[in-house]
Amino acid sequence: GRDLYSRVVYGARASLAGAFLAVAVAVVVGSAL
């Protein structure tokens, strides 16, 4: 019974934060190497 639109909206934080963290790790590690 949870509102799916609200879950999609709040899910953007986890999805985008995870993506930005992944790219940040890739840039730092890859650039150093």
PDB file of all heavy atoms in Angstrom:
ATOM      1  N   GLY A   1       0.788  -1.218   0.000  1.00  0.00           N
ATOM      2  CA  GLY A   1       0.000   0.000   0.000  1.00  0.00           C
ATOM      3  C   GLY A   1       0.823   1.272   0.000  1.00  0.00           C
ATOM      4  O   GLY A   1       0.276   2.361   0.231  1.00  0.00           O
ATOM      5  N   ARG A   2       2.101   1.177  -0.275  1.00  0.00           N
ATOM      6  CA  ARG A   2       2.954   2.368  -0.313  1.00  0.00           C
ATOM      7  C   ARG A   2       2.818   3.066  -1.668  1.00  0.00           C
ATOM      8  O   ARG A   2       2.740   2.403  -2.707  1.00  0.00           O
ATOM      9  CB  ARG A   2       4.413   1.979  -0.061  1.00  0.00           C
ATOM     10  CG  ARG A   2       4.654   1.410   1.314  1.00  0.00           C
ATOM     11  CD  ARG A   2       6.051   0.848   1.471  1.00  0.00           C
ATOM     12  NE  ARG A   2       6.290  -0.293   0.584  1.00  0.00           N
ATOM     13  CZ  ARG A   2       7.321  -1.120   0.695  1.00  0.00           C
ATOM     14  NH1 ARG A   2       8.229  -0.918   1.654  1.00  0.00           N
ATOM     15  NH2 ARG A   2       7.470  -2.119  -0.146  1.00  0.00           N
ATOM     16  N   ASP A   3       2.782   4.383  -1.633  1.00  0.00           N
ATOM     17  CA  ASP A   3       2.650   5.162  -2.863  1.00  0.00           C
ATOM     18  C   ASP A   3       3.889   4.979  -3.730  1.00  0.00           C
ATOM     19  O   ASP A   3       5.010   5.316  -3.314  1.00  0.00           O
ATOM     20  CB  ASP A   3       2.457   6.642  -2.513  1.00  0.00           C
ATOM     21  CG  ASP A   3       2.280   7.501  -3.752  1.00  0.00           C
ATOM     22  OD1 ASP A   3       1.210   7.422  -4.382  1.00  0.00           O
ATOM     23  OD2 ASP A   3       3.216   8.240  -4.079  1.00  0.00           O
ATOM     24  N   LEU A   4       3.710   4.461  -4.941  1.00  0.00           N
ATOM     25  CA  LEU A   4       4.853   4.133  -5.795  1.00  0.00           C
ATOM     26  C   LEU A   4       5.547   5.384  -6.317  1.00  0.00           C
ATOM     27  O   LEU A   4       6.772   5.410  -6.448  1.00  0.00           O
ATOM     28  CB  LEU A   4       4.387   3.261  -6.966  1.00  0.00           C
ATOM     29  CG  LEU A   4       5.496   2.748  -7.882  1.00  0.00           C
ATOM     30  CD1 LEU A   4       6.511   1.923  -7.108  1.00  0.00           C
ATOM     31  CD2 LEU A   4       4.907   1.929  -9.026  1.00  0.00           C
ATOM     32  N   TYR A   5       4.787   6.432  -6.612  1.00  0.00           N
ATOM     33  CA  TYR A   5       5.415   7.670  -7.093  1.00  0.00           C
ATOM     34  C   TYR A   5       6.366   8.233  -6.044  1.00  0.00           C
ATOM     35  O   TYR A   5       7.476   8.661  -6.368  1.00  0.00           O
ATOM     36  CB  TYR A   5       4.345   8.704  -7.450  1.00  0.00           C
ATOM     37  CG  TYR A   5       4.895  10.075  -7.732  1.00  0.00           C
ATOM     38  CD1 TYR A   5       5.627  10.327  -8.888  1.00  0.00           C
ATOM     39  CD2 TYR A   5       4.706  11.124  -6.822  1.00  0.00           C
ATOM     40  CE1 TYR A   5       6.151  11.590  -9.143  1.00  0.00           C
ATOM     41  CE2 TYR A   5       5.218  12.384  -7.073  1.00  0.00           C
ATOM     42  CZ  TYR A   5       5.944  12.611  -8.231  1.00  0.00           C
ATOM     43  OH  TYR A   5       6.462  13.862  -8.475  1.00  0.00           O
ATOM     44  N   SER A   6       5.948   8.231  -4.785  1.00  0.00           N
ATOM     45  CA  SER A   6       6.819   8.747  -3.729  1.00  0.00           C
ATOM     46  C   SER A   6       8.068   7.882  -3.588  1.00  0.00           C
ATOM     47  O   SER A   6       9.165   8.387  -3.317  1.00  0.00           O
ATOM     48  CB  SER A   6       6.080   8.820  -2.394  1.00  0.00           C
ATOM     49  OG  SER A   6       5.800   7.523  -1.887  1.00  0.00           O
ATOM     50  N   ARG A   7       7.925   6.590  -3.804  1.00  0.00           N
ATOM     51  CA  ARG A   7       9.088   5.707  -3.709  1.00  0.00           C
ATOM     52  C   ARG A   7      10.048   5.937  -4.877  1.00  0.00           C
ATOM     53  O   ARG A   7      11.264   5.856  -4.712  1.00  0.00           O
ATOM     54  CB  ARG A   7       8.637   4.246  -3.647  1.00  0.00           C
ATOM     55  CG  ARG A   7       7.965   3.903  -2.318  1.00  0.00           C
ATOM     56  CD  ARG A   7       7.493   2.470  -2.227  1.00  0.00           C
ATOM     57  NE  ARG A   7       8.571   1.495  -2.295  1.00  0.00           N
ATOM     58  CZ  ARG A   7       9.418   1.217  -1.300  1.00  0.00           C
ATOM     59  NH1 ARG A   7       9.317   1.873  -0.133  1.00  0.00           N
ATOM     60  NH2 ARG A   7      10.353   0.297  -1.446  1.00  0.00           N
ATOM     61  N   VAL A   8       9.509   6.236  -6.052  1.00  0.00           N
ATOM     62  CA  VAL A   8      10.367   6.573  -7.192  1.00  0.00           C
ATOM     63  C   VAL A   8      11.089   7.893  -6.933  1.00  0.00           C
ATOM     64  O   VAL A   8      12.293   8.026  -7.208  1.00  0.00           O
ATOM     65  CB  VAL A   8       9.539   6.649  -8.489  1.00  0.00           C
ATOM     66  CG1 VAL A   8      10.373   7.237  -9.629  1.00  0.00           C
ATOM     67  CG2 VAL A   8       9.036   5.271  -8.880  1.00  0.00           C
ATOM     68  N   VAL A   9      10.361   8.862  -6.402  1.00  0.00           N
ATOM     69  CA  VAL A   9      10.959  10.171  -6.122  1.00  0.00           C
ATOM     70  C   VAL A   9      12.069  10.038  -5.087  1.00  0.00           C
ATOM     71  O   VAL A   9      13.199  10.528  -5.285  1.00  0.00           O
ATOM     72  CB  VAL A   9       9.885  11.168  -5.652  1.00  0.00           C
ATOM     73  CG1 VAL A   9      10.541  12.446  -5.125  1.00  0.00           C
ATOM     74  CG2 VAL A   9       8.926  11.498  -6.777  1.00  0.00           C
ATOM     75  N   TYR A  10      11.775   9.379  -3.969  1.00  0.00           N
ATOM     76  CA  TYR A  10      12.788   9.227  -2.926  1.00  0.00           C
ATOM     77  C   TYR A  10      13.903   8.281  -3.361  1.00  0.00           C
ATOM     78  O   TYR A  10      15.033   8.376  -2.865  1.00  0.00           O
ATOM     79  CB  TYR A  10      12.141   8.713  -1.640  1.00  0.00           C
ATOM     80  CG  TYR A  10      11.512   9.794  -0.809  1.00  0.00           C
ATOM     81  CD1 TYR A  10      10.207  10.222  -1.048  1.00  0.00           C
ATOM     82  CD2 TYR A  10      12.212  10.423   0.226  1.00  0.00           C
ATOM     83  CE1 TYR A  10       9.619  11.227  -0.303  1.00  0.00           C
ATOM     84  CE2 TYR A  10      11.633  11.424   0.989  1.00  0.00           C
ATOM     85  CZ  TYR A  10      10.337  11.825   0.721  1.00  0.00           C
ATOM     86  OH  TYR A  10       9.765  12.831   1.468  1.00  0.00           O
ATOM     87  N   GLY A  11      13.600   7.388  -4.299  1.00  0.00           N
ATOM     88  CA  GLY A  11      14.619   6.480  -4.795  1.00  0.00           C
ATOM     89  C   GLY A  11      15.683   7.164  -5.623  1.00  0.00           C
ATOM     90  O   GLY A  11      16.774   6.620  -5.810  1.00  0.00           O
ATOM     91  N   ALA A  12      15.379   8.358  -6.134  1.00  0.00           N
ATOM     92  CA  ALA A  12      16.368   9.090  -6.922  1.00  0.00           C
ATOM     93  C   ALA A  12      17.610   9.395  -6.090  1.00  0.00           C
ATOM     94  O   ALA A  12      18.736   9.388  -6.615  1.00  0.00           O
ATOM     95  CB  ALA A  12      15.756  10.392  -7.449  1.00  0.00           C
ATOM     96  N   ARG A  13      17.433   9.646  -4.811  1.00  0.00           N
ATOM     97  CA  ARG A  13      18.588   9.975  -3.961  1.00  0.00           C
ATOM     98  C   ARG A  13      19.555   8.804  -3.897  1.00  0.00           C
ATOM     99  O   ARG A  13      20.766   8.974  -4.079  1.00  0.00           O
ATOM    100  CB  ARG A  13      18.111  10.351  -2.556  1.00  0.00           C
ATOM    101  CG  ARG A  13      19.227  10.646  -1.579  1.00  0.00           C
ATOM    102  CD  ARG A  13      18.682  11.134  -0.258  1.00  0.00           C
ATOM    103  NE  ARG A  13      17.989  12.406  -0.412  1.00  0.00           N
ATOM    104  CZ  ARG A  13      17.327  13.010   0.574  1.00  0.00           C
ATOM    105  NH1 ARG A  13      17.275  12.455   1.778  1.00  0.00           N
ATOM    106  NH2 ARG A  13      16.721  14.160   0.349  1.00  0.00           N
ATOM    107  N   ALA A  14      19.040   7.601  -3.649  1.00  0.00           N
ATOM    108  CA  ALA A  14      19.908   6.435  -3.552  1.00  0.00           C
ATOM    109  C   ALA A  14      20.551   6.112  -4.892  1.00  0.00           C
ATOM    110  O   ALA A  14      21.763   5.856  -4.975  1.00  0.00           O
ATOM    111  CB  ALA A  14      19.103   5.233  -3.041  1.00  0.00           C
ATOM    112  N   SER A  15      19.759   6.135  -5.959  1.00  0.00           N
ATOM    113  CA  SER A  15      20.277   5.760  -7.274  1.00  0.00           C
ATOM    114  C   SER A  15      21.332   6.742  -7.762  1.00  0.00           C
ATOM    115  O   SER A  15      22.406   6.338  -8.246  1.00  0.00           O
ATOM    116  CB  SER A  15      19.126   5.672  -8.282  1.00  0.00           C
ATOM    117  OG  SER A  15      18.222   4.648  -7.922  1.00  0.00           O
ATOM    118  N   LEU A  16      21.056   8.033  -7.672  1.00  0.00           N
ATOM    119  CA  LEU A  16      22.000   9.034  -8.164  1.00  0.00           C
ATOM    120  C   LEU A  16      23.214   9.153  -7.247  1.00  0.00           C
ATOM    121  O   LEU A  16      24.344   9.306  -7.739  1.00  0.00           O
ATOM    122  CB  LEU A  16      21.308  10.380  -8.314  1.00  0.00           C
ATOM    123  CG  LEU A  16      20.176  10.433  -9.347  1.00  0.00           C
ATOM    124  CD1 LEU A  16      19.614  11.848  -9.447  1.00  0.00           C
ATOM    125  CD2 LEU A  16      20.650   9.968 -10.706  1.00  0.00           C
ATOM    126  N   ALA A  17      22.993   9.070  -5.953  1.00  0.00           N
ATOM    127  CA  ALA A  17      24.132   9.138  -5.026  1.00  0.00           C
ATOM    128  C   ALA A  17      25.064   7.951  -5.249  1.00  0.00           C
ATOM    129  O   ALA A  17      26.295   8.102  -5.237  1.00  0.00           O
ATOM    130  CB  ALA A  17      23.634   9.157  -3.582  1.00  0.00           C
ATOM    131  N   GLY A  18      24.477   6.775  -5.454  1.00  0.00           N
ATOM    132  CA  GLY A  18      25.303   5.604  -5.737  1.00  0.00           C
ATOM    133  C   GLY A  18      26.088   5.765  -7.029  1.00  0.00           C
ATOM    134  O   GLY A  18      27.259   5.398  -7.103  1.00  0.00           O
ATOM    135  N   ALA A  19      25.436   6.309  -8.063  1.00  0.00           N
ATOM    136  CA  ALA A  19      26.109   6.511  -9.349  1.00  0.00           C
ATOM    137  C   ALA A  19      27.246   7.521  -9.218  1.00  0.00           C
ATOM    138  O   ALA A  19      28.355   7.306  -9.745  1.00  0.00           O
ATOM    139  CB  ALA A  19      25.104   6.971 -10.395  1.00  0.00           C
ATOM    140  N   PHE A  20      26.998   8.630  -8.524  1.00  0.00           N
ATOM    141  CA  PHE A  20      28.043   9.648  -8.362  1.00  0.00           C
ATOM    142  C   PHE A  20      29.204   9.120  -7.518  1.00  0.00           C
ATOM    143  O   PHE A  20      30.374   9.428  -7.790  1.00  0.00           O
ATOM    144  CB  PHE A  20      27.465  10.903  -7.724  1.00  0.00           C
ATOM    145  CG  PHE A  20      26.582  11.691  -8.643  1.00  0.00           C
ATOM    146  CD1 PHE A  20      25.387  12.221  -8.202  1.00  0.00           C
ATOM    147  CD2 PHE A  20      26.937  11.894  -9.966  1.00  0.00           C
ATOM    148  CE1 PHE A  20      24.558  12.949  -9.057  1.00  0.00           C
ATOM    149  CE2 PHE A  20      26.126  12.620 -10.831  1.00  0.00           C
ATOM    150  CZ  PHE A  20      24.939  13.142 -10.371  1.00  0.00           C
ATOM    151  N   LEU A  21      28.889   8.313  -6.491  1.00  0.00           N
ATOM    152  CA  LEU A  21      29.952   7.714  -5.684  1.00  0.00           C
ATOM    153  C   LEU A  21      30.790   6.770  -6.531  1.00  0.00           C
ATOM    154  O   LEU A  21      32.029   6.770  -6.441  1.00  0.00           O
ATOM    155  CB  LEU A  21      29.347   6.970  -4.491  1.00  0.00           C
ATOM    156  CG  LEU A  21      30.337   6.181  -3.627  1.00  0.00           C
ATOM    157  CD1 LEU A  21      31.399   7.095  -3.036  1.00  0.00           C
ATOM    158  CD2 LEU A  21      29.594   5.427  -2.516  1.00  0.00           C
ATOM    159  N   ALA A  22      30.136   5.970  -7.354  1.00  0.00           N
ATOM    160  CA  ALA A  22      30.860   5.039  -8.222  1.00  0.00           C
ATOM    161  C   ALA A  22      31.787   5.774  -9.176  1.00  0.00           C
ATOM    162  O   ALA A  22      32.960   5.388  -9.355  1.00  0.00           O
ATOM    163  CB  ALA A  22      29.861   4.179  -9.007  1.00  0.00           C
ATOM    164  N   VAL A  23      31.294   6.838  -9.794  1.00  0.00           N
ATOM    165  CA  VAL A  23      32.117   7.605 -10.735  1.00  0.00           C
ATOM    166  C   VAL A  23      33.260   8.302 -10.000  1.00  0.00           C
ATOM    167  O   VAL A  23      34.379   8.379 -10.514  1.00  0.00           O
ATOM    168  CB  VAL A  23      31.252   8.616 -11.502  1.00  0.00           C
ATOM    169  CG1 VAL A  23      32.119   9.540 -12.357  1.00  0.00           C
ATOM    170  CG2 VAL A  23      30.249   7.888 -12.390  1.00  0.00           C
ATOM    171  N   ALA A  24      32.986   8.806  -8.798  1.00  0.00           N
ATOM    172  CA  ALA A  24      34.050   9.455  -8.020  1.00  0.00           C
ATOM    173  C   ALA A  24      35.169   8.468  -7.701  1.00  0.00           C
ATOM    174  O   ALA A  24      36.358   8.803  -7.817  1.00  0.00           O
ATOM    175  CB  ALA A  24      33.470  10.041  -6.733  1.00  0.00           C
ATOM    176  N   VAL A  25      34.805   7.254  -7.297  1.00  0.00           N
ATOM    177  CA  VAL A  25      35.814   6.220  -7.025  1.00  0.00           C
ATOM    178  C   VAL A  25      36.594   5.905  -8.295  1.00  0.00           C
ATOM    179  O   VAL A  25      37.831   5.794  -8.271  1.00  0.00           O
ATOM    180  CB  VAL A  25      35.140   4.947  -6.473  1.00  0.00           C
ATOM    181  CG1 VAL A  25      36.140   3.791  -6.413  1.00  0.00           C
ATOM    182  CG2 VAL A  25      34.557   5.211  -5.094  1.00  0.00           C
ATOM    183  N   ALA A  26      35.883   5.776  -9.421  1.00  0.00           N
ATOM    184  CA  ALA A  26      36.543   5.467 -10.692  1.00  0.00           C
ATOM    185  C   ALA A  26      37.515   6.574 -11.092  1.00  0.00           C
ATOM    186  O   ALA A  26      38.634   6.296 -11.552  1.00  0.00           O
ATOM    187  CB  ALA A  26      35.497   5.254 -11.785  1.00  0.00           C
ATOM    188  N   VAL A  27      37.101   7.830 -10.935  1.00  0.00           N
ATOM    189  CA  VAL A  27      37.959   8.956 -11.321  1.00  0.00           C
ATOM    190  C   VAL A  27      39.200   9.023 -10.439  1.00  0.00           C
ATOM    191  O   VAL A  27      40.327   9.164 -10.942  1.00  0.00           O
ATOM    192  CB  VAL A  27      37.174  10.280 -11.239  1.00  0.00           C
ATOM    193  CG1 VAL A  27      38.119  11.469 -11.394  1.00  0.00           C
ATOM    194  CG2 VAL A  27      36.101  10.331 -12.316  1.00  0.00           C
ATOM    195  N   VAL A  28      39.023   8.893  -9.132  1.00  0.00           N
ATOM    196  CA  VAL A  28      40.157   9.014  -8.211  1.00  0.00           C
ATOM    197  C   VAL A  28      41.151   7.875  -8.413  1.00  0.00           C
ATOM    198  O   VAL A  28      42.357   8.094  -8.597  1.00  0.00           O
ATOM    199  CB  VAL A  28      39.660   9.053  -6.753  1.00  0.00           C
ATOM    200  CG1 VAL A  28      40.837   8.979  -5.784  1.00  0.00           C
ATOM    201  CG2 VAL A  28      38.867  10.325  -6.498  1.00  0.00           C
ATOM    202  N   VAL A  29      40.646   6.646  -8.386  1.00  0.00           N
ATOM    203  CA  VAL A  29      41.536   5.488  -8.517  1.00  0.00           C
ATOM    204  C   VAL A  29      42.162   5.438  -9.907  1.00  0.00           C
ATOM    205  O   VAL A  29      43.377   5.249 -10.063  1.00  0.00           O
ATOM    206  CB  VAL A  29      40.772   4.181  -8.228  1.00  0.00           C
ATOM    207  CG1 VAL A  29      41.660   2.961  -8.487  1.00  0.00           C
ATOM    208  CG2 VAL A  29      40.276   4.170  -6.790  1.00  0.00           C
ATOM    209  N   GLY A  30      41.332   5.605 -10.939  1.00  0.00           N
ATOM    210  CA  GLY A  30      41.840   5.540 -12.306  1.00  0.00           C
ATOM    211  C   GLY A  30      42.820   6.652 -12.617  1.00  0.00           C
ATOM    212  O   GLY A  30      43.847   6.426 -13.270  1.00  0.00           O
ATOM    213  N   SER A  31      42.522   7.866 -12.155  1.00  0.00           N
ATOM    214  CA  SER A  31      43.426   8.988 -12.419  1.00  0.00           C
ATOM    215  C   SER A  31      44.772   8.793 -11.730  1.00  0.00           C
ATOM    216  O   SER A  31      45.829   9.095 -12.300  1.00  0.00           O
ATOM    217  CB  SER A  31      42.785  10.296 -11.952  1.00  0.00           C
ATOM    218  OG  SER A  31      41.600  10.566 -12.681  1.00  0.00           O
ATOM    219  N   ALA A  32      44.746   8.290 -10.502  1.00  0.00           N
ATOM    220  CA  ALA A  32      45.995   8.059  -9.777  1.00  0.00           C
ATOM    221  C   ALA A  32      46.855   7.013 -10.489  1.00  0.00           C
ATOM    222  O   ALA A  32      48.061   7.213 -10.691  1.00  0.00           O
ATOM    223  CB  ALA A  32      45.694   7.614  -8.347  1.00  0.00           C
ATOM    224  N   LEU A  33      46.232   5.910 -10.888  1.00  0.00           N
ATOM    225  CA  LEU A  33      46.980   4.858 -11.571  1.00  0.00           C
ATOM    226  C   LEU A  33      47.490   5.335 -12.935  1.00  0.00           C
ATOM    227  O   LEU A  33      48.638   5.071 -13.310  1.00  0.00           O
ATOM    228  CB  LEU A  33      46.101   3.619 -11.739  1.00  0.00           C
ATOM    229  CG  LEU A  33      45.711   2.885 -10.452  1.00  0.00           C
ATOM    230  CD1 LEU A  33      44.754   1.746 -10.762  1.00  0.00           C
ATOM    231  CD2 LEU A  33      46.950   2.357  -9.735  1.00  0.00           C
TER     232      LEU A  33
END
